[in-house]
Amino acid sequence: SGHGIRISGKKLGRPKNYADSKAEKKAAYKDNTDRIEVERKFSLAKRKFGLGLLLTKREDTTRASIVLSVIAMNIDRLAAMLLRFWKIVINIRFSYRQPVCHGF
């Protein structure tokens, strides 16, 4: 297809008598790992950020709720990255300190 979209999964109809080629197996494996990653993100959004609890009825409020959940996910991710960065900076800062000698 022109947009780089292709259908993944088993083909319809009677199965082939010969095994899939190496390239087909590699593409199927990559598709499966990509799908798992996407499903993991949705699962996290449902569990941690309330995406599974949407009770809105109108389309605009539903969209707003989804956008707020995604923004909350991004803020959480950025906060975790910032915290890791500051932990590294603090560890580097204190690892270069010279021991203090008190006249002994």
PDB file of N, CA and C in Angstrom:
ATOM      1  N   SER A   1       0.831  -1.185   0.000  1.00  0.00           N
ATOM      2  CA  SER A   1       0.000   0.000   0.000  1.00  0.00           C
ATOM      3  C   SER A   1       0.873   1.245   0.000  1.00  0.00           C
ATOM      4  N   GLY A   2       0.316   2.342  -0.406  1.00  0.00           N
ATOM      5  CA  GLY A   2       1.062   3.580  -0.571  1.00  0.00           C
ATOM      6  C   GLY A   2       1.446   4.256   0.728  1.00  0.00           C
ATOM      7  N   HIS A   3       0.758   3.965   1.829  1.00  0.00           N
ATOM      8  CA  HIS A   3       1.010   4.641   3.103  1.00  0.00           C
ATOM      9  C   HIS A   3       1.867   3.814   4.051  1.00  0.00           C
ATOM     10  N   GLY A   4       2.402   2.701   3.591  1.00  0.00           N
ATOM     11  CA  GLY A   4       3.223   1.862   4.446  1.00  0.00           C
ATOM     12  C   GLY A   4       2.408   1.011   5.401  1.00  0.00           C
ATOM     13  N   ILE A   5       1.117   0.895   5.147  1.00  0.00           N
ATOM     14  CA  ILE A   5       0.244   0.084   5.995  1.00  0.00           C
ATOM     15  C   ILE A   5       0.060  -1.265   5.325  1.00  0.00           C
ATOM     16  N   ARG A   6       0.257  -2.312   6.094  1.00  0.00           N
ATOM     17  CA  ARG A   6       0.012  -3.641   5.546  1.00  0.00           C
ATOM     18  C   ARG A   6      -0.737  -4.460   6.576  1.00  0.00           C
ATOM     19  N   ILE A   7      -1.438  -5.430   6.082  1.00  0.00           N
ATOM     20  CA  ILE A   7      -2.240  -6.282   6.951  1.00  0.00           C
ATOM     21  C   ILE A   7      -1.344  -7.373   7.513  1.00  0.00           C
ATOM     22  N   SER A   8      -1.324  -7.488   8.837  1.00  0.00           N
ATOM     23  CA  SER A   8      -0.542  -8.545   9.456  1.00  0.00           C
ATOM     24  C   SER A   8      -1.497  -9.586  10.009  1.00  0.00           C
ATOM     25  N   GLY A   9      -1.005 -10.771  10.150  1.00  0.00           N
ATOM     26  CA  GLY A   9      -1.832 -11.860  10.644  1.00  0.00           C
ATOM     27  C   GLY A   9      -1.908 -12.971   9.624  1.00  0.00           C
ATOM     28  N   LYS A  10      -2.593 -14.024   9.989  1.00  0.00           N
ATOM     29  CA  LYS A  10      -2.703 -15.170   9.097  1.00  0.00           C
ATOM     30  C   LYS A  10      -3.580 -14.834   7.905  1.00  0.00           C
ATOM     31  N   LYS A  11      -3.213 -15.398   6.766  1.00  0.00           N
ATOM     32  CA  LYS A  11      -3.998 -15.187   5.563  1.00  0.00           C
ATOM     33  C   LYS A  11      -5.228 -16.081   5.606  1.00  0.00           C
ATOM     34  N   LEU A  12      -6.287 -15.590   4.977  1.00  0.00           N
ATOM     35  CA  LEU A  12      -7.519 -16.359   4.932  1.00  0.00           C
ATOM     36  C   LEU A  12      -7.385 -17.511   3.947  1.00  0.00           C
ATOM     37  N   GLY A  13      -8.205 -18.502   4.141  1.00  0.00           N
ATOM     38  CA  GLY A  13      -8.210 -19.633   3.214  1.00  0.00           C
ATOM     39  C   GLY A  13      -7.429 -20.807   3.746  1.00  0.00           C
ATOM     40  N   ARG A  14      -7.224 -21.747   2.856  1.00  0.00           N
ATOM     41  CA  ARG A  14      -6.532 -22.977   3.220  1.00  0.00           C
ATOM     42  C   ARG A  14      -5.047 -22.691   3.468  1.00  0.00           C
ATOM     43  N   PRO A  15      -4.471 -23.269   4.527  1.00  0.00           N
ATOM     44  CA  PRO A  15      -3.055 -23.023   4.817  1.00  0.00           C
ATOM     45  C   PRO A  15      -2.149 -23.609   3.733  1.00  0.00           C
ATOM     46  N   LYS A  16      -0.984 -23.007   3.568  1.00  0.00           N
ATOM     47  CA  LYS A  16      -0.011 -23.485   2.588  1.00  0.00           C
ATOM     48  C   LYS A  16       0.621 -24.784   3.070  1.00  0.00           C
ATOM     49  N   ASN A  17       1.119 -25.571   2.135  1.00  0.00           N
ATOM     50  CA  ASN A  17       1.797 -26.818   2.484  1.00  0.00           C
ATOM     51  C   ASN A  17       3.247 -26.583   2.888  1.00  0.00           C
ATOM     52  N   TYR A  18       3.823 -25.476   2.484  1.00  0.00           N
ATOM     53  CA  TYR A  18       5.217 -25.185   2.797  1.00  0.00           C
ATOM     54  C   TYR A  18       5.287 -24.122   3.892  1.00  0.00           C
ATOM     55  N   ALA A  19       6.408 -24.114   4.576  1.00  0.00           N
ATOM     56  CA  ALA A  19       6.591 -23.169   5.686  1.00  0.00           C
ATOM     57  C   ALA A  19       6.797 -21.758   5.142  1.00  0.00           C
ATOM     58  N   ASP A  20       6.490 -20.767   5.975  1.00  0.00           N
ATOM     59  CA  ASP A  20       6.691 -19.366   5.603  1.00  0.00           C
ATOM     60  C   ASP A  20       8.178 -19.091   5.382  1.00  0.00           C
ATOM     61  N   SER A  21       8.455 -18.136   4.545  1.00  0.00           N
ATOM     62  CA  SER A  21       9.848 -17.770   4.291  1.00  0.00           C
ATOM     63  C   SER A  21      10.421 -17.058   5.519  1.00  0.00           C
ATOM     64  N   LYS A  22      11.732 -16.923   5.527  1.00  0.00           N
ATOM     65  CA  LYS A  22      12.413 -16.283   6.655  1.00  0.00           C
ATOM     66  C   LYS A  22      11.985 -14.819   6.794  1.00  0.00           C
ATOM     67  N   ALA A  23      11.828 -14.135   5.657  1.00  0.00           N
ATOM     68  CA  ALA A  23      11.420 -12.724   5.685  1.00  0.00           C
ATOM     69  C   ALA A  23      10.006 -12.577   6.241  1.00  0.00           C
ATOM     70  N   GLU A  24       9.104 -13.490   5.864  1.00  0.00           N
ATOM     71  CA  GLU A  24       7.727 -13.435   6.379  1.00  0.00           C
ATOM     72  C   GLU A  24       7.698 -13.687   7.878  1.00  0.00           C
ATOM     73  N   LYS A  25       8.509 -14.637   8.345  1.00  0.00           N
ATOM     74  CA  LYS A  25       8.564 -14.920   9.781  1.00  0.00           C
ATOM     75  C   LYS A  25       9.114 -13.720  10.553  1.00  0.00           C
ATOM     76  N   LYS A  26      10.132 -13.066   9.978  1.00  0.00           N
ATOM     77  CA  LYS A  26      10.720 -11.899  10.635  1.00  0.00           C
ATOM     78  C   LYS A  26       9.709 -10.756  10.709  1.00  0.00           C
ATOM     79  N   ALA A  27       8.963 -10.542   9.621  1.00  0.00           N
ATOM     80  CA  ALA A  27       7.947  -9.483   9.604  1.00  0.00           C
ATOM     81  C   ALA A  27       6.836  -9.790  10.605  1.00  0.00           C
ATOM     82  N   ALA A  28       6.428 -11.062  10.684  1.00  0.00           N
ATOM     83  CA  ALA A  28       5.382 -11.449  11.631  1.00  0.00           C
ATOM     84  C   ALA A  28       5.850 -11.235  13.069  1.00  0.00           C
ATOM     85  N   TYR A  29       7.112 -11.559  13.349  1.00  0.00           N
ATOM     86  CA  TYR A  29       7.660 -11.367  14.690  1.00  0.00           C
ATOM     87  C   TYR A  29       7.688  -9.883  15.054  1.00  0.00           C
ATOM     88  N   LYS A  30       8.134  -9.036  14.118  1.00  0.00           N
ATOM     89  CA  LYS A  30       8.188  -7.592  14.373  1.00  0.00           C
ATOM     90  C   LYS A  30       6.792  -7.024  14.592  1.00  0.00           C
ATOM     91  N   ASP A  31       5.819  -7.472  13.781  1.00  0.00           N
ATOM     92  CA  ASP A  31       4.437  -7.023  13.960  1.00  0.00           C
ATOM     93  C   ASP A  31       3.928  -7.389  15.347  1.00  0.00           C
ATOM     94  N   ASN A  32       4.251  -8.599  15.781  1.00  0.00           N
ATOM     95  CA  ASN A  32       3.787  -9.070  17.086  1.00  0.00           C
ATOM     96  C   ASN A  32       4.404  -8.244  18.214  1.00  0.00           C
ATOM     97  N   THR A  33       5.698  -7.948  18.127  1.00  0.00           N
ATOM     98  CA  THR A  33       6.331  -7.161  19.189  1.00  0.00           C
ATOM     99  C   THR A  33       5.800  -5.725  19.200  1.00  0.00           C
ATOM    100  N   ASP A  34       5.539  -5.158  18.020  1.00  0.00           N
ATOM    101  CA  ASP A  34       4.965  -3.807  17.962  1.00  0.00           C
ATOM    102  C   ASP A  34       3.573  -3.782  18.582  1.00  0.00           C
ATOM    103  N   ARG A  35       2.782  -4.803  18.294  1.00  0.00           N
ATOM    104  CA  ARG A  35       1.423  -4.874  18.825  1.00  0.00           C
ATOM    105  C   ARG A  35       1.454  -5.014  20.347  1.00  0.00           C
ATOM    106  N   ILE A  36       2.367  -5.813  20.858  1.00  0.00           N
ATOM    107  CA  ILE A  36       2.475  -5.998  22.308  1.00  0.00           C
ATOM    108  C   ILE A  36       2.808  -4.667  22.986  1.00  0.00           C
ATOM    109  N   GLU A  37       3.710  -3.893  22.378  1.00  0.00           N
ATOM    110  CA  GLU A  37       4.088  -2.598  22.956  1.00  0.00           C
ATOM    111  C   GLU A  37       2.904  -1.636  22.999  1.00  0.00           C
ATOM    112  N   VAL A  38       2.118  -1.607  21.931  1.00  0.00           N
ATOM    113  CA  VAL A  38       0.950  -0.721  21.884  1.00  0.00           C
ATOM    114  C   VAL A  38      -0.091  -1.165  22.910  1.00  0.00           C
ATOM    115  N   GLU A  39      -0.338  -2.473  22.994  1.00  0.00           N
ATOM    116  CA  GLU A  39      -1.317  -2.981  23.963  1.00  0.00           C
ATOM    117  C   GLU A  39      -0.867  -2.700  25.390  1.00  0.00           C
ATOM    118  N   ARG A  40       0.441  -2.734  25.634  1.00  0.00           N
ATOM    119  CA  ARG A  40       0.961  -2.435  26.966  1.00  0.00           C
ATOM    120  C   ARG A  40       0.678  -0.983  27.352  1.00  0.00           C
ATOM    121  N   LYS A  41       0.819  -0.069  26.393  1.00  0.00           N
ATOM    122  CA  LYS A  41       0.535   1.347  26.663  1.00  0.00           C
ATOM    123  C   LYS A  41      -0.944   1.557  26.990  1.00  0.00           C
ATOM    124  N   PHE A  42      -1.825   0.904  26.229  1.00  0.00           N
ATOM    125  CA  PHE A  42      -3.253   1.034  26.509  1.00  0.00           C
ATOM    126  C   PHE A  42      -3.605   0.430  27.867  1.00  0.00           C
ATOM    127  N   SER A  43      -2.989  -0.691  28.196  1.00  0.00           N
ATOM    128  CA  SER A  43      -3.238  -1.322  29.493  1.00  0.00           C
ATOM    129  C   SER A  43      -2.811  -0.396  30.635  1.00  0.00           C
ATOM    130  N   LEU A  44      -1.656   0.238  30.486  1.00  0.00           N
ATOM    131  CA  LEU A  44      -1.182   1.185  31.495  1.00  0.00           C
ATOM    132  C   LEU A  44      -2.140   2.363  31.625  1.00  0.00           C
ATOM    133  N   ALA A  45      -2.610   2.868  30.491  1.00  0.00           N
ATOM    134  CA  ALA A  45      -3.544   4.001  30.517  1.00  0.00           C
ATOM    135  C   ALA A  45      -4.846   3.616  31.212  1.00  0.00           C
ATOM    136  N   LYS A  46      -5.295   2.399  31.004  1.00  0.00           N
ATOM    137  CA  LYS A  46      -6.545   1.960  31.636  1.00  0.00           C
ATOM    138  C   LYS A  46      -6.367   1.752  33.138  1.00  0.00           C
ATOM    139  N   ARG A  47      -5.243   1.125  33.518  1.00  0.00           N
ATOM    140  CA  ARG A  47      -5.033   0.822  34.928  1.00  0.00           C
ATOM    141  C   ARG A  47      -4.672   2.045  35.754  1.00  0.00           C
ATOM    142  N   LYS A  48      -3.708   2.823  35.265  1.00  0.00           N
ATOM    143  CA  LYS A  48      -3.120   3.863  36.098  1.00  0.00           C
ATOM    144  C   LYS A  48      -3.731   5.244  35.884  1.00  0.00           C
ATOM    145  N   PHE A  49      -4.259   5.503  34.706  1.00  0.00           N
ATOM    146  CA  PHE A  49      -4.712   6.851  34.389  1.00  0.00           C
ATOM    147  C   PHE A  49      -6.203   6.938  34.096  1.00  0.00           C
ATOM    148  N   GLY A  50      -6.974   5.916  34.436  1.00  0.00           N
ATOM    149  CA  GLY A  50      -8.426   5.984  34.370  1.00  0.00           C
ATOM    150  C   GLY A  50      -9.038   5.969  32.986  1.00  0.00           C
ATOM    151  N   LEU A  51      -8.303   5.535  31.984  1.00  0.00           N
ATOM    152  CA  LEU A  51      -8.857   5.517  30.633  1.00  0.00           C
ATOM    153  C   LEU A  51      -9.959   4.470  30.499  1.00  0.00           C
ATOM    154  N   GLY A  52      -9.953   3.469  31.359  1.00  0.00           N
ATOM    155  CA  GLY A  52     -10.990   2.444  31.309  1.00  0.00           C
ATOM    156  C   GLY A  52     -12.253   2.836  32.057  1.00  0.00           C
ATOM    157  N   LEU A  53     -12.259   4.000  32.693  1.00  0.00           N
ATOM    158  CA  LEU A  53     -13.399   4.418  33.509  1.00  0.00           C
ATOM    159  C   LEU A  53     -14.170   5.584  32.902  1.00  0.00           C
ATOM    160  N   LEU A  54     -14.060   5.773  31.605  1.00  0.00           N
ATOM    161  CA  LEU A  54     -14.750   6.891  30.961  1.00  0.00           C
ATOM    162  C   LEU A  54     -16.254   6.650  30.959  1.00  0.00           C
ATOM    163  N   LEU A  55     -16.989   7.585  31.523  1.00  0.00           N
ATOM    164  CA  LEU A  55     -18.445   7.477  31.576  1.00  0.00           C
ATOM    165  C   LEU A  55     -19.114   8.647  30.867  1.00  0.00           C
ATOM    166  N   THR A  56     -18.365   9.371  30.073  1.00  0.00           N
ATOM    167  CA  THR A  56     -18.924  10.530  29.383  1.00  0.00           C
ATOM    168  C   THR A  56     -19.782  10.078  28.212  1.00  0.00           C
ATOM    169  N   LYS A  57     -20.765  10.891  27.868  1.00  0.00           N
ATOM    170  CA  LYS A  57     -21.705  10.511  26.819  1.00  0.00           C
ATOM    171  C   LYS A  57     -21.495  11.291  25.535  1.00  0.00           C
ATOM    172  N   ARG A  58     -21.116  12.537  25.659  1.00  0.00           N
ATOM    173  CA  ARG A  58     -20.939  13.349  24.460  1.00  0.00           C
ATOM    174  C   ARG A  58     -19.553  13.131  23.869  1.00  0.00           C
ATOM    175  N   GLU A  59     -19.458  13.310  22.567  1.00  0.00           N
ATOM    176  CA  GLU A  59     -18.191  13.063  21.877  1.00  0.00           C
ATOM    177  C   GLU A  59     -17.100  14.028  22.330  1.00  0.00           C
ATOM    178  N   ASP A  60     -17.442  15.294  22.504  1.00  0.00           N
ATOM    179  CA  ASP A  60     -16.415  16.270  22.877  1.00  0.00           C
ATOM    180  C   ASP A  60     -15.881  16.035  24.287  1.00  0.00           C
ATOM    181  N   THR A  61     -16.746  15.653  25.214  1.00  0.00           N
ATOM    182  CA  THR A  61     -16.265  15.386  26.574  1.00  0.00           C
ATOM    183  C   THR A  61     -15.460  14.087  26.621  1.00  0.00           C
ATOM    184  N   THR A  62     -15.833  13.118  25.799  1.00  0.00           N
ATOM    185  CA  THR A  62     -15.061  11.875  25.732  1.00  0.00           C
ATOM    186  C   THR A  62     -13.662  12.155  25.198  1.00  0.00           C
ATOM    187  N   ARG A  63     -13.597  12.946  24.132  1.00  0.00           N
ATOM    188  CA  ARG A  63     -12.285  13.306  23.570  1.00  0.00           C
ATOM    189  C   ARG A  63     -11.445  14.064  24.598  1.00  0.00           C
ATOM    190  N   ALA A  64     -12.069  14.977  25.313  1.00  0.00           N
ATOM    191  CA  ALA A  64     -11.341  15.749  26.324  1.00  0.00           C
ATOM    192  C   ALA A  64     -10.811  14.833  27.428  1.00  0.00           C
ATOM    193  N   SER A  65     -11.605  13.858  27.844  1.00  0.00           N
ATOM    194  CA  SER A  65     -11.163  12.919  28.882  1.00  0.00           C
ATOM    195  C   SER A  65      -9.980  12.087  28.402  1.00  0.00           C
ATOM    196  N   ILE A  66     -10.037  11.658  27.153  1.00  0.00           N
ATOM    197  CA  ILE A  66      -8.936  10.867  26.595  1.00  0.00           C
ATOM    198  C   ILE A  66      -7.673  11.713  26.506  1.00  0.00           C
ATOM    199  N   VAL A  67      -7.813  12.941  26.038  1.00  0.00           N
ATOM    200  CA  VAL A  67      -6.654  13.836  25.921  1.00  0.00           C
ATOM    201  C   VAL A  67      -6.042  14.100  27.293  1.00  0.00           C
ATOM    202  N   LEU A  68      -6.877  14.315  28.304  1.00  0.00           N
ATOM    203  CA  LEU A  68      -6.354  14.554  29.651  1.00  0.00           C
ATOM    204  C   LEU A  68      -5.613  13.331  30.185  1.00  0.00           C
ATOM    205  N   SER A  69      -6.116  12.136  29.891  1.00  0.00           N
ATOM    206  CA  SER A  69      -5.421  10.917  30.315  1.00  0.00           C
ATOM    207  C   SER A  69      -4.060  10.804  29.639  1.00  0.00           C
ATOM    208  N   VAL A  70      -4.000  11.114  28.357  1.00  0.00           N
ATOM    209  CA  VAL A  70      -2.729  11.045  27.628  1.00  0.00           C
ATOM    210  C   VAL A  70      -1.757  12.102  28.151  1.00  0.00           C
ATOM    211  N   ILE A  71      -2.251  13.294  28.434  1.00  0.00           N
ATOM    212  CA  ILE A  71      -1.391  14.341  29.000  1.00  0.00           C
ATOM    213  C   ILE A  71      -0.857  13.904  30.364  1.00  0.00           C
ATOM    214  N   ALA A  72      -1.707  13.296  31.181  1.00  0.00           N
ATOM    215  CA  ALA A  72      -1.261  12.810  32.491  1.00  0.00           C
ATOM    216  C   ALA A  72      -0.187  11.738  32.332  1.00  0.00           C
ATOM    217  N   MET A  73      -0.348  10.855  31.346  1.00  0.00           N
ATOM    218  CA  MET A  73       0.672   9.833  31.089  1.00  0.00           C
ATOM    219  C   MET A  73       2.000  10.479  30.710  1.00  0.00           C
ATOM    220  N   ASN A  74       1.951  11.489  29.852  1.00  0.00           N
ATOM    221  CA  ASN A  74       3.181  12.158  29.415  1.00  0.00           C
ATOM    222  C   ASN A  74       3.853  12.901  30.562  1.00  0.00           C
ATOM    223  N   ILE A  75       3.064  13.560  31.407  1.00  0.00           N
ATOM    224  CA  ILE A  75       3.629  14.267  32.561  1.00  0.00           C
ATOM    225  C   ILE A  75       4.281  13.275  33.519  1.00  0.00           C
ATOM    226  N   ASP A  76       3.636  12.138  33.737  1.00  0.00           N
ATOM    227  CA  ASP A  76       4.191  11.111  34.612  1.00  0.00           C
ATOM    228  C   ASP A  76       5.524  10.598  34.067  1.00  0.00           C
ATOM    229  N   ARG A  77       5.574  10.374  32.776  1.00  0.00           N
ATOM    230  CA  ARG A  77       6.800   9.884  32.148  1.00  0.00           C
ATOM    231  C   ARG A  77       7.916  10.929  32.243  1.00  0.00           C
ATOM    232  N   LEU A  78       7.586  12.192  31.973  1.00  0.00           N
ATOM    233  CA  LEU A  78       8.587  13.255  32.075  1.00  0.00           C
ATOM    234  C   LEU A  78       9.086  13.426  33.510  1.00  0.00           C
ATOM    235  N   ALA A  79       8.180  13.312  34.475  1.00  0.00           N
ATOM    236  CA  ALA A  79       8.580  13.434  35.879  1.00  0.00           C
ATOM    237  C   ALA A  79       9.527  12.302  36.270  1.00  0.00           C
ATOM    238  N   ALA A  80       9.257  11.096  35.800  1.00  0.00           N
ATOM    239  CA  ALA A  80      10.138   9.966  36.098  1.00  0.00           C
ATOM    240  C   ALA A  80      11.516  10.169  35.468  1.00  0.00           C
ATOM    241  N   MET A  81      11.539  10.678  34.233  1.00  0.00           N
ATOM    242  CA  MET A  81      12.819  10.944  33.571  1.00  0.00           C
ATOM    243  C   MET A  81      13.599  12.028  34.306  1.00  0.00           C
ATOM    244  N   LEU A  82      12.914  13.075  34.736  1.00  0.00           N
ATOM    245  CA  LEU A  82      13.560  14.164  35.465  1.00  0.00           C
ATOM    246  C   LEU A  82      14.110  13.674  36.804  1.00  0.00           C
ATOM    247  N   LEU A  83      13.356  12.826  37.484  1.00  0.00           N
ATOM    248  CA  LEU A  83      13.814  12.276  38.757  1.00  0.00           C
ATOM    249  C   LEU A  83      15.068  11.423  38.565  1.00  0.00           C
ATOM    250  N   ARG A  84      15.077  10.584  37.517  1.00  0.00           N
ATOM    251  CA  ARG A  84      16.272   9.785  37.234  1.00  0.00           C
ATOM    252  C   ARG A  84      17.475  10.681  36.940  1.00  0.00           C
ATOM    253  N   PHE A  85      17.257  11.743  36.173  1.00  0.00           N
ATOM    254  CA  PHE A  85      18.338  12.674  35.846  1.00  0.00           C
ATOM    255  C   PHE A  85      18.922  13.292  37.111  1.00  0.00           C
ATOM    256  N   TRP A  86      18.066  13.781  38.007  1.00  0.00           N
ATOM    257  CA  TRP A  86      18.567  14.426  39.216  1.00  0.00           C
ATOM    258  C   TRP A  86      19.259  13.438  40.143  1.00  0.00           C
ATOM    259  N   LYS A  87      18.806  12.188  40.166  1.00  0.00           N
ATOM    260  CA  LYS A  87      19.507  11.173  40.965  1.00  0.00           C
ATOM    261  C   LYS A  87      20.922  10.964  40.442  1.00  0.00           C
ATOM    262  N   ILE A  88      21.061  10.930  39.116  1.00  0.00           N
ATOM    263  CA  ILE A  88      22.389  10.764  38.519  1.00  0.00           C
ATOM    264  C   ILE A  88      23.267  11.968  38.838  1.00  0.00           C
ATOM    265  N   VAL A  89      22.717  13.174  38.705  1.00  0.00           N
ATOM    266  CA  VAL A  89      23.486  14.394  38.990  1.00  0.00           C
ATOM    267  C   VAL A  89      23.936  14.410  40.444  1.00  0.00           C
ATOM    268  N   ILE A  90      23.058  14.062  41.353  1.00  0.00           N
ATOM    269  CA  ILE A  90      23.409  14.063  42.782  1.00  0.00           C
ATOM    270  C   ILE A  90      24.471  13.010  43.075  1.00  0.00           C
ATOM    271  N   ASN A  91      24.339  11.828  42.480  1.00  0.00           N
ATOM    272  CA  ASN A  91      25.347  10.786  42.696  1.00  0.00           C
ATOM    273  C   ASN A  91      26.713  11.211  42.167  1.00  0.00           C
ATOM    274  N   ILE A  92      26.741  11.857  41.014  1.00  0.00           N
ATOM    275  CA  ILE A  92      28.015  12.334  40.460  1.00  0.00           C
ATOM    276  C   ILE A  92      28.596  13.426  41.353  1.00  0.00           C
ATOM    277  N   ARG A  93      27.746  14.320  41.812  1.00  0.00           N
ATOM    278  CA  ARG A  93      28.198  15.442  42.654  1.00  0.00           C
ATOM    279  C   ARG A  93      28.849  14.934  43.934  1.00  0.00           C
ATOM    280  N   PHE A  94      28.228  13.961  44.595  1.00  0.00           N
ATOM    281  CA  PHE A  94      28.759  13.476  45.866  1.00  0.00           C
ATOM    282  C   PHE A  94      29.895  12.477  45.690  1.00  0.00           C
ATOM    283  N   SER A  95      30.053  11.922  44.510  1.00  0.00           N
ATOM    284  CA  SER A  95      31.152  10.973  44.311  1.00  0.00           C
ATOM    285  C   SER A  95      32.492  11.686  44.149  1.00  0.00           C
ATOM    286  N   TYR A  96      32.495  12.990  43.809  1.00  0.00           N
ATOM    287  CA  TYR A  96      33.733  13.742  43.637  1.00  0.00           C
ATOM    288  C   TYR A  96      34.166  14.485  44.897  1.00  0.00           C
ATOM    289  N   ARG A  97      33.453  14.344  45.976  1.00  0.00           N
ATOM    290  CA  ARG A  97      33.828  15.037  47.217  1.00  0.00           C
ATOM    291  C   ARG A  97      35.096  14.432  47.800  1.00  0.00           C
ATOM    292  N   GLN A  98      35.938  15.309  48.346  1.00  0.00           N
ATOM    293  CA  GLN A  98      37.167  14.872  48.997  1.00  0.00           C
ATOM    294  C   GLN A  98      36.864  14.545  50.462  1.00  0.00           C
ATOM    295  N   PRO A  99      37.488  13.507  50.977  1.00  0.00           N
ATOM    296  CA  PRO A  99      37.280  13.218  52.401  1.00  0.00           C
ATOM    297  C   PRO A  99      37.851  14.349  53.264  1.00  0.00           C
ATOM    298  N   VAL A 100      37.175  14.640  54.340  1.00  0.00           N
ATOM    299  CA  VAL A 100      37.571  15.734  55.229  1.00  0.00           C
ATOM    300  C   VAL A 100      38.421  15.161  56.356  1.00  0.00           C
ATOM    301  N   CYS A 101      39.567  15.791  56.600  1.00  0.00           N
ATOM    302  CA  CYS A 101      40.460  15.368  57.673  1.00  0.00           C
ATOM    303  C   CYS A 101      40.314  16.362  58.831  1.00  0.00           C
ATOM    304  N   HIS A 102      40.035  15.877  60.029  1.00  0.00           N
ATOM    305  CA  HIS A 102      39.788  16.750  61.180  1.00  0.00           C
ATOM    306  C   HIS A 102      40.996  16.809  62.113  1.00  0.00           C
ATOM    307  N   GLY A 103      42.197  16.963  61.582  1.00  0.00           N
ATOM    308  CA  GLY A 103      43.386  17.161  62.408  1.00  0.00           C
ATOM    309  C   GLY A 103      43.972  15.889  62.980  1.00  0.00           C
ATOM    310  N   PHE A 104      43.673  14.781  62.437  1.00  0.00           N
ATOM    311  CA  PHE A 104      44.263  13.541  62.960  1.00  0.00           C
ATOM    312  C   PHE A 104      45.535  13.227  62.252  1.00  0.00           C
TER     313      PHE A 104
END
